[in-house]
Structures are given as C-alpha cells and as structure tokens.
Amino acid sequence: MGSSSGNNNSYDFSFKILLIGDSGVGKSSLLVSFISNSTEELSPTIGVDFKIKMLTVGGKRLKLTIWDTAGQERFRTVTSSYYRGVQGVILVYDVTRRETFTNLSDLWAKEVELYSTNQACIKMLVGNQVDRDIERAVTREEGFALAQDIGCLFLECSAKTRENVQQCFEELALKILEVPSLLEEGSTVGKRNILKQKQESQAPPRGRCCS
C-alpha cells in the first residue's frame, strides 16, 4: 500500500456500522459479546457508545467502528448524525417481545430510509435472545418475511450463548465488501479523495476571470 504510515497499513477498509432497535433488546450485549468473550448483564446505553473491532473476512482486513444507540426516545436527539456515512445497519429485536419486532417495521426501518446517507448501505435484521426459545413471541418465519420485505439480511442469535453473534457482523461485512460504492467510501484512498474534493470546492476563485 502506498502510505508509509504504519497505521493505514493495518487494515484495508474502515466501515461504520450502526446498531438500532428498541431499548433492552440486547444491542449492547450483542456488541460486547462480539468484541470480547464476556456476556454480562449491561445497563441501558445512555445516548450513544461505540466500539472498534478489527476483523478479517473475505481475505480483507477490516476496521469496524460499531455504534450502539440508545433505544429510548429521550436520548434520540442527534439521530441523523448517527447515520452519516454508515455502511451497515443492524436492526435488533428481541424474539420474546413482540412489540420490539413490530417497532422495527413501524419505526426503525423507516428511520433508516429517512436518515441514511448511503442508499446502498447493507441492512441486517437480527432476532436476539433465541436462548429463551420457550418464551418466543416472534417466529423465525416472521423474522425472515420482514427481512425480505425491508430488504435486509436475516439472522437469529443469542448474545448470551454467543450463537451466531460473530456471523452477524461477518455476514454484514462480507455483503458490504460486495458493494463498490461502500468500498470506495471505506477505503483510506477514498477518504483522501473526498477530503481533496472538499478542499478544492472551498478554495477561493483564482485570480481574474473573463476580462
């Protein structure tokens, strides 16, 4: 790679991923389960939090910056800025709480449409808490049908047992890698070009024109 600074060479692409969904569906647990081996009970996220994870998929080294948002309405003041430059969105519901599922189609999916700056961004619908199958309120088939309806990938997982947690982020990353416009955005070269264009467009007009 062209750059001499070691840091740029440590990954091929940098992607921004957003976790959204109702409060208490296990977004933070999903993230902690993916980042570390821990599955402890977490208190609700206040505002927004993010974690960085290096991941190699499809032969590419990726730096994922994963933003974990608060589900409660009162913390959702800077919504549109969360979505800026996002390459992947994970919409999480709890398979034991039906309203968290209906809110995805009624509220969250609409929000992605509204605020996402990348029309090509990859969306994944994730049903969490499958370890509590006995309390299940949403069937796998319903989850799959909604995912197809809103154009998402689909997985069920358990942050607690870590079932499918890794797959959730890996499959999302693999799909992002298939979209040229998202790759361009996630590459350091792409970022440099965007910066250059910004600087050029802000430059004052040169000298005299058309005397």
Foldseek 3Di string as FASTA:
>chain_A
DPDPDPVQVVFFFEAEEEEAFAWPLCQVLLVCVQADVDRDDDDFDQQKDWDWDWDDAPNGIYIYIYMYGGRDPVSCDPVLVSQELHQEYEYEGEQLDVVRVVCCVVPVLVSCVVRHPDPNRAYEYEHEDCVVVVSGDHDPVNQVVVCVVSVHHYDYYYSNVGGCSNVRVRVNVVVSVVDVVSRLSGGPVSVVVVVVVVVVVPDDDDDDPDD
